[in-house]
Amino acid sequence: MLGKRLKSFLGRNIVRLPNRLLVKMSGGEPVVVEGRTLDPSLQYLLSKMTAQPALQEMPLADSREFIVTGANTFAVKKAKLARVEDRLIEGRDGPIPVRIYFPEGVDVQKPGLVAYHGGGWVTGNLESYDRVARTYAATANCILVSVDYRLAPESPFPAALHDCYDAWSWTQAHAAELGMDAHRIGVAGDSAGGNLAAAVCVVARERGETMPVLQLLVYPALDLRARTESYDTCGQEGFGLTRATMEWFIENYVRGEEDLLNPLVSPLLDADLGSMPTTIIATAGFDPLLDEAAHYAQRLEEAGVSVTYHCYDSLIHGYQTMAGAIDTAGKALQETTDLLRRELHRG
């Protein structure tokens, strides 16, 4: 049912119509917030999803299905790779499913990337992240390990972080076996996955262990206190991710309010950001998480970290999974993967 509803939007190829017509079909006027204009194709699609229940209003199994279906309905085509392997690796709390993507090419050793899917720590899995992971691996010419970490509310913090860090450690230990250059391995994630990628860097620093060479954070959740102005301007109904849904995610993930002040939960609150690796941050202009990502980028830059920050003004949270349907989202994904390739292959 959920899949049919989503697929019907693209079946008519409606988002390829002229922008003026799309705006008219969406209500007649462009949507503008603080000088940023919503992409007309997104405006139309969002206007057709107003009757869709919010994730927190669905049974948990349905919300998880919806995320996977949506990611695969609007996503880019599967990038061509040499092979893809599903494995179980050992973590401190038991086996962790991972999916490993091997790009084409005959390099003796390729850079590596350990990647964490989004979904608010409550939804998302290897399937919801598959198209993006394939694109990263193929375009950035890197071997990518995608991690199927445990989800809340069944497994609240720090379960997901344990799995993510253990997958990072496993990748480091098995770099030669995988064909990776152990000195060129980064971490990446979108939304909750961006939160976990940043937290993995904090854990590595605190343990005095090998740090990732870079962190790629796409519309990341970095301050779970959820107090920024962009929650007020972009967290209402109509832009996909809402304040209410984020609060539901956060309540399921943390064990109590004290967790919100922990830099492993809210990486923006880390007092030693100068130790972070080279960072790429991509955000969206109509995302309630916009301000915390921008503030994180500013603090990193002030601490002397090399940062590339880009806000895609016309897009919404989750745009990478819409890159096959929304032209501006496709261009944003391409720019991000080009940056990733440049940084992973630097030197």
Protein backbone atom coordinates (compact mmCIF):
# COMPACT_ATOMS: atom_id res chain seq x y z
CA MET A 1 0.00 0.00 0.00
CA LEU A 2 2.70 2.46 1.00
CA GLY A 3 4.83 1.55 -2.01
CA LYS A 4 1.97 1.95 -4.48
CA ARG A 5 1.12 5.40 -3.11
CA LEU A 6 4.68 6.64 -3.52
CA LYS A 7 5.26 5.08 -6.92
CA SER A 8 2.11 6.67 -8.31
CA PHE A 9 3.76 10.10 -8.04
CA LEU A 10 6.57 9.18 -10.37
CA GLY A 11 4.52 6.95 -12.63
CA ARG A 12 3.06 10.07 -14.26
CA ASN A 13 6.52 11.65 -14.50
CA ILE A 14 4.87 14.73 -13.04
CA VAL A 15 8.05 16.26 -11.62
CA ARG A 16 9.41 16.78 -15.14
CA LEU A 17 6.76 19.40 -15.91
CA PRO A 18 7.75 23.10 -16.18
CA ASN A 19 8.39 24.80 -12.85
CA ARG A 20 5.60 27.34 -13.33
CA LEU A 21 3.05 24.58 -13.86
CA LEU A 22 4.33 22.58 -10.89
CA VAL A 23 3.96 25.62 -8.63
CA LYS A 24 0.44 26.23 -9.92
CA MET A 25 -0.52 22.61 -9.30
CA SER A 26 0.90 22.88 -5.77
CA GLY A 27 -1.19 25.81 -4.66
CA GLY A 28 -0.30 28.69 -6.91
CA GLU A 29 2.61 30.45 -5.18
CA PRO A 30 6.28 29.57 -4.67
CA VAL A 31 7.22 28.62 -1.12
CA VAL A 32 9.81 31.01 0.31
CA VAL A 33 11.44 30.90 3.75
CA GLU A 34 14.08 33.47 4.75
CA GLY A 35 14.82 34.26 1.11
CA ARG A 36 15.15 30.60 0.08
CA THR A 37 12.69 29.24 -2.52
CA LEU A 38 11.62 25.61 -2.36
CA ASP A 39 12.35 23.55 -5.48
CA PRO A 40 9.09 23.43 -7.51
CA SER A 41 9.31 19.67 -8.04
CA LEU A 42 9.66 19.17 -4.30
CA GLN A 43 6.83 21.61 -3.67
CA TYR A 44 4.55 19.52 -5.85
CA LEU A 45 5.55 16.18 -4.34
CA LEU A 46 5.20 17.50 -0.81
CA SER A 47 1.76 18.92 -1.60
CA LYS A 48 0.63 15.44 -2.65
CA MET A 49 1.84 13.86 0.57
CA THR A 50 -0.21 15.97 2.97
CA ALA A 51 -2.59 13.08 3.62
CA GLN A 52 0.27 10.72 4.43
CA PRO A 53 0.44 9.95 8.18
CA ALA A 54 3.58 11.10 9.96
CA LEU A 55 6.09 8.40 10.82
CA GLN A 56 5.31 8.68 14.53
CA GLU A 57 1.62 8.10 13.80
CA MET A 58 2.21 4.79 12.02
CA PRO A 59 2.85 1.38 13.54
CA LEU A 60 6.63 1.07 13.87
CA ALA A 61 6.84 -1.66 11.22
CA ASP A 62 4.97 0.56 8.73
CA SER A 63 7.20 3.56 9.38
CA ARG A 64 10.24 1.41 8.70
CA GLU A 65 8.71 0.05 5.52
CA PHE A 66 7.80 3.56 4.39
CA ILE A 67 11.39 4.77 4.72
CA VAL A 68 12.77 1.87 2.66
CA THR A 69 10.07 2.21 -0.01
CA GLY A 70 10.52 5.95 -0.29
CA ALA A 71 14.29 5.69 -0.58
CA ASN A 72 14.05 3.20 -3.43
CA THR A 73 11.18 4.93 -5.25
CA PHE A 74 12.84 8.31 -5.73
CA ALA A 75 16.50 7.24 -5.72
CA VAL A 76 19.12 7.30 -8.44
CA LYS A 77 19.66 4.18 -10.51
CA LYS A 78 21.99 1.55 -9.10
CA ALA A 79 25.57 2.48 -9.91
CA LYS A 80 27.70 -0.14 -11.63
CA LEU A 81 30.15 -1.85 -9.28
CA ALA A 82 32.55 -4.78 -9.41
CA ARG A 83 30.66 -6.60 -6.64
CA VAL A 84 28.63 -6.21 -3.47
CA GLU A 85 28.93 -8.50 -0.45
CA ASP A 86 26.72 -8.91 2.62
CA ARG A 87 28.59 -10.06 5.71
CA LEU A 88 28.22 -10.43 9.45
CA ILE A 89 31.10 -8.99 11.44
CA GLU A 90 31.77 -9.33 15.14
CA GLY A 91 30.83 -6.48 17.45
CA ARG A 92 31.11 -6.19 21.21
CA ASP A 93 27.39 -6.97 21.59
CA GLY A 94 27.09 -9.58 18.86
CA PRO A 95 27.16 -9.86 15.06
CA ILE A 96 26.67 -6.69 12.99
CA PRO A 97 25.33 -6.94 9.41
CA VAL A 98 27.31 -4.93 6.88
CA ARG A 99 27.18 -4.55 3.12
CA ILE A 100 30.49 -3.98 1.34
CA TYR A 101 30.64 -2.24 -2.04
CA PHE A 102 33.63 -2.78 -4.32
CA PRO A 103 34.01 -0.35 -7.25
CA GLU A 104 35.41 -1.31 -10.61
CA GLY A 105 39.07 -0.70 -11.32
CA VAL A 106 42.43 -2.34 -10.80
CA ASP A 107 43.93 -0.10 -8.12
CA VAL A 108 46.26 -1.98 -5.80
CA GLN A 109 44.58 -0.28 -2.86
CA LYS A 110 41.57 2.00 -2.81
CA PRO A 111 40.42 4.47 -0.19
CA GLY A 112 37.75 3.22 2.18
CA LEU A 113 34.57 4.64 3.66
CA VAL A 114 32.50 3.35 6.58
CA ALA A 115 28.96 4.67 6.12
CA TYR A 116 25.92 4.92 8.36
CA HIS A 117 22.37 5.24 7.06
CA GLY A 118 19.84 7.80 8.22
CA GLY A 119 16.40 7.24 9.64
CA GLY A 120 16.34 8.91 13.03
CA TRP A 121 18.02 5.98 14.84
CA VAL A 122 14.57 4.33 14.60
CA THR A 123 14.14 3.54 10.89
CA GLY A 124 16.43 2.83 7.94
CA ASN A 125 18.62 -0.12 7.04
CA LEU A 126 21.02 -1.39 4.39
CA GLU A 127 18.25 -1.32 1.77
CA SER A 128 17.20 2.28 2.41
CA TYR A 129 20.82 3.41 2.00
CA ASP A 130 21.75 1.07 -0.85
CA ARG A 131 21.45 3.46 -3.81
CA VAL A 132 23.37 6.25 -2.07
CA ALA A 133 26.07 3.82 -0.92
CA ARG A 134 26.48 2.49 -4.45
CA THR A 135 26.79 6.03 -5.79
CA TYR A 136 29.44 6.94 -3.22
CA ALA A 137 31.47 3.80 -3.93
CA ALA A 138 31.33 4.14 -7.71
CA THR A 139 31.79 7.90 -8.04
CA ALA A 140 34.38 8.31 -5.29
CA ASN A 141 36.15 5.08 -6.34
CA CYS A 142 36.27 3.77 -2.80
CA ILE A 143 35.44 0.54 -1.00
CA LEU A 144 32.45 1.28 1.17
CA VAL A 145 31.27 -0.59 4.26
CA SER A 146 27.61 0.17 5.02
CA VAL A 147 26.59 -0.65 8.59
CA ASP A 148 23.20 -2.05 9.66
CA TYR A 149 23.41 -0.82 13.24
CA ARG A 150 20.78 -1.62 15.88
CA LEU A 151 17.73 0.63 16.03
CA ALA A 152 15.77 2.28 18.80
CA PRO A 153 13.48 1.93 20.65
CA GLU A 154 14.48 -1.72 20.93
CA SER A 155 18.14 -0.70 21.31
CA PRO A 156 18.57 2.91 22.53
CA PHE A 157 21.83 4.83 22.90
CA PRO A 158 24.62 3.71 23.00
CA ALA A 159 23.79 0.51 21.06
CA ALA A 160 23.88 2.10 17.60
CA LEU A 161 27.13 3.92 18.38
CA HIS A 162 28.70 0.70 19.68
CA ASP A 163 27.86 -1.02 16.38
CA CYS A 164 29.09 1.91 14.31
CA TYR A 165 32.37 2.19 16.14
CA ASP A 166 32.94 -1.57 16.13
CA ALA A 167 32.37 -1.56 12.36
CA TRP A 168 34.92 1.25 12.04
CA SER A 169 37.44 -0.76 14.09
CA TRP A 170 36.74 -3.93 12.09
CA THR A 171 37.28 -2.08 8.81
CA GLN A 172 40.59 -0.73 10.04
CA ALA A 173 41.71 -4.21 11.09
CA HIS A 174 40.62 -5.81 7.80
CA ALA A 175 41.71 -3.05 5.42
CA ALA A 176 44.32 -5.15 3.64
CA GLU A 177 41.91 -8.04 3.19
CA LEU A 178 39.32 -5.69 1.69
CA GLY A 179 41.82 -4.01 -0.62
CA MET A 180 41.73 -0.70 1.24
CA ASP A 181 44.50 1.74 1.94
CA ALA A 182 44.40 1.76 5.76
CA HIS A 183 45.69 5.34 5.78
CA ARG A 184 42.78 6.65 3.68
CA ILE A 185 39.58 5.53 5.38
CA GLY A 186 36.82 7.97 6.25
CA VAL A 187 33.34 7.86 7.77
CA ALA A 188 30.10 9.14 6.31
CA GLY A 189 26.43 9.39 7.18
CA ASP A 190 23.26 11.28 6.53
CA SER A 191 20.86 12.59 9.21
CA ALA A 192 21.13 10.16 12.15
CA GLY A 193 23.97 8.50 10.27
CA GLY A 194 25.79 11.83 10.20
CA ASN A 195 25.32 12.05 13.95
CA LEU A 196 26.84 8.60 14.36
CA ALA A 197 29.74 9.33 11.99
CA ALA A 198 30.67 12.43 13.99
CA ALA A 199 30.33 10.49 17.26
CA VAL A 200 32.62 7.73 15.93
CA CYS A 201 35.31 10.40 15.47
CA VAL A 202 34.83 11.54 19.07
CA VAL A 203 35.15 7.97 20.36
CA ALA A 204 38.30 7.36 18.31
CA ARG A 205 39.89 10.50 19.75
CA GLU A 206 38.92 9.64 23.33
CA ARG A 207 40.37 6.16 22.97
CA GLY A 208 43.53 7.41 21.33
CA GLU A 209 42.85 5.14 18.36
CA THR A 210 43.07 5.73 14.62
CA MET A 211 40.94 8.64 13.48
CA PRO A 212 39.07 8.66 10.16
CA VAL A 213 40.83 10.79 7.56
CA LEU A 214 37.56 12.61 6.92
CA GLN A 215 33.94 12.80 7.94
CA LEU A 216 31.21 13.35 5.38
CA LEU A 217 28.04 14.60 7.11
CA VAL A 218 24.90 15.10 5.04
CA TYR A 219 22.09 17.03 6.77
CA PRO A 220 23.39 15.66 10.08
CA ALA A 221 21.67 15.75 13.48
CA LEU A 222 24.33 17.27 15.73
CA ASP A 223 22.47 18.87 18.64
CA LEU A 224 19.64 16.73 19.97
CA ARG A 225 18.44 19.46 22.28
CA ALA A 226 16.52 20.64 19.18
CA ARG A 227 16.49 24.33 20.10
CA THR A 228 17.70 26.07 16.95
CA GLU A 229 15.80 28.66 14.93
CA SER A 230 15.57 26.38 11.88
CA TYR A 231 13.34 24.07 13.92
CA ASP A 232 10.90 26.98 14.08
CA THR A 233 11.19 28.07 10.45
CA CYS A 234 11.39 24.64 8.78
CA GLY A 235 10.07 22.19 11.37
CA GLN A 236 6.38 22.70 10.64
CA GLU A 237 4.27 20.53 8.34
CA GLY A 238 5.01 20.78 4.65
CA PHE A 239 8.76 20.25 4.37
CA GLY A 240 9.00 16.53 5.07
CA LEU A 241 10.87 16.24 8.35
CA THR A 242 9.05 18.03 11.20
CA ARG A 243 9.89 19.01 14.75
CA ALA A 244 7.33 16.45 15.97
CA THR A 245 9.01 13.62 14.06
CA MET A 246 12.47 14.66 15.26
CA GLU A 247 11.25 14.75 18.85
CA TRP A 248 9.84 11.25 18.39
CA PHE A 249 13.18 10.05 17.01
CA ILE A 250 15.11 11.64 19.86
CA GLU A 251 12.79 10.35 22.59
CA ASN A 252 13.20 6.83 21.25
CA TYR A 253 16.98 7.09 20.93
CA VAL A 254 18.11 8.66 24.21
CA ARG A 255 17.65 7.19 27.69
CA GLY A 256 16.94 10.53 29.36
CA GLU A 257 17.59 14.26 29.16
CA GLU A 258 21.13 13.85 30.50
CA ASP A 259 22.08 12.05 27.28
CA LEU A 260 21.29 15.16 25.25
CA LEU A 261 24.36 16.90 26.71
CA ASN A 262 26.70 14.03 25.89
CA PRO A 263 28.95 14.85 22.88
CA LEU A 264 28.45 11.26 21.74
CA VAL A 265 24.77 12.11 21.34
CA SER A 266 25.11 15.81 20.46
CA PRO A 267 28.52 16.15 18.72
CA LEU A 268 28.07 19.90 18.41
CA LEU A 269 28.69 20.09 22.17
CA ASP A 270 32.14 18.49 21.90
CA ALA A 271 34.65 20.78 23.57
CA ASP A 272 37.60 19.64 21.43
CA LEU A 273 36.44 20.02 17.84
CA GLY A 274 39.95 20.97 16.78
CA SER A 275 40.82 17.27 16.82
CA MET A 276 38.23 16.39 14.19
CA PRO A 277 39.33 15.28 10.71
CA THR A 278 38.76 17.03 7.40
CA THR A 279 35.01 17.54 7.13
CA ILE A 280 32.49 17.81 4.31
CA ILE A 281 29.03 19.02 5.35
CA ALA A 282 26.04 19.24 3.01
CA THR A 283 22.77 20.70 4.27
CA ALA A 284 19.38 21.77 2.93
CA GLY A 285 17.68 25.15 3.13
CA PHE A 286 14.31 23.72 4.22
CA ASP A 287 15.65 21.37 6.88
CA PRO A 288 14.98 21.84 10.62
CA LEU A 289 18.53 20.54 11.19
CA LEU A 290 20.08 23.30 9.07
CA ASP A 291 21.28 25.58 11.89
CA GLU A 292 23.07 22.93 13.93
CA ALA A 293 25.01 21.75 10.87
CA ALA A 294 25.97 25.32 9.99
CA HIS A 295 27.04 26.00 13.59
CA TYR A 296 29.12 22.80 13.65
CA ALA A 297 30.86 23.83 10.43
CA GLN A 298 31.59 27.27 11.88
CA ARG A 299 33.01 25.84 15.10
CA LEU A 300 35.19 23.38 13.18
CA GLU A 301 36.56 26.16 11.00
CA GLU A 302 37.27 28.33 14.04
CA ALA A 303 39.13 25.38 15.58
CA GLY A 304 41.36 25.09 12.50
CA VAL A 305 39.74 22.05 10.88
CA SER A 306 39.52 21.92 7.08
CA VAL A 307 35.81 22.22 6.31
CA THR A 308 33.80 22.29 3.10
CA TYR A 309 30.25 23.40 3.81
CA HIS A 310 27.43 23.70 1.31
CA CYS A 311 23.76 24.48 1.91
CA TYR A 312 21.44 23.52 -0.96
CA ASP A 313 18.92 26.28 -0.45
CA SER A 314 15.99 24.83 -2.41
CA LEU A 315 16.08 21.31 -0.97
CA ILE A 316 14.67 19.49 2.05
CA HIS A 317 15.98 16.96 4.53
CA GLY A 318 16.52 13.57 2.88
CA TYR A 319 17.15 14.95 -0.61
CA GLN A 320 19.86 12.36 -1.41
CA THR A 321 17.20 9.65 -1.54
CA MET A 322 15.23 11.80 -4.02
CA ALA A 323 18.13 12.32 -6.40
CA GLY A 324 16.59 10.15 -9.11
CA ALA A 325 13.45 12.29 -9.32
CA ILE A 326 14.49 15.82 -8.37
CA ASP A 327 17.10 17.35 -10.67
CA THR A 328 18.53 19.72 -8.05
CA ALA A 329 18.86 16.83 -5.61
CA GLY A 330 20.70 14.80 -8.24
CA LYS A 331 23.12 17.66 -8.83
CA ALA A 332 23.69 18.03 -5.08
CA LEU A 333 24.45 14.33 -4.71
CA GLN A 334 26.89 14.52 -7.62
CA GLU A 335 28.68 17.52 -6.11
CA THR A 336 28.98 15.75 -2.76
CA THR A 337 30.40 12.57 -4.25
CA ASP A 338 32.85 14.61 -6.33
CA LEU A 339 34.07 16.29 -3.13
CA LEU A 340 34.31 12.92 -1.43
CA ARG A 341 36.43 11.54 -4.25
CA ARG A 342 38.72 14.56 -4.17
CA GLU A 343 39.35 14.30 -0.43
CA LEU A 344 39.74 10.52 -0.28
CA HIS A 345 42.23 10.52 -3.16
CA ARG A 346 44.13 13.61 -2.06
CA GLY A 347 47.86 13.09 -1.97
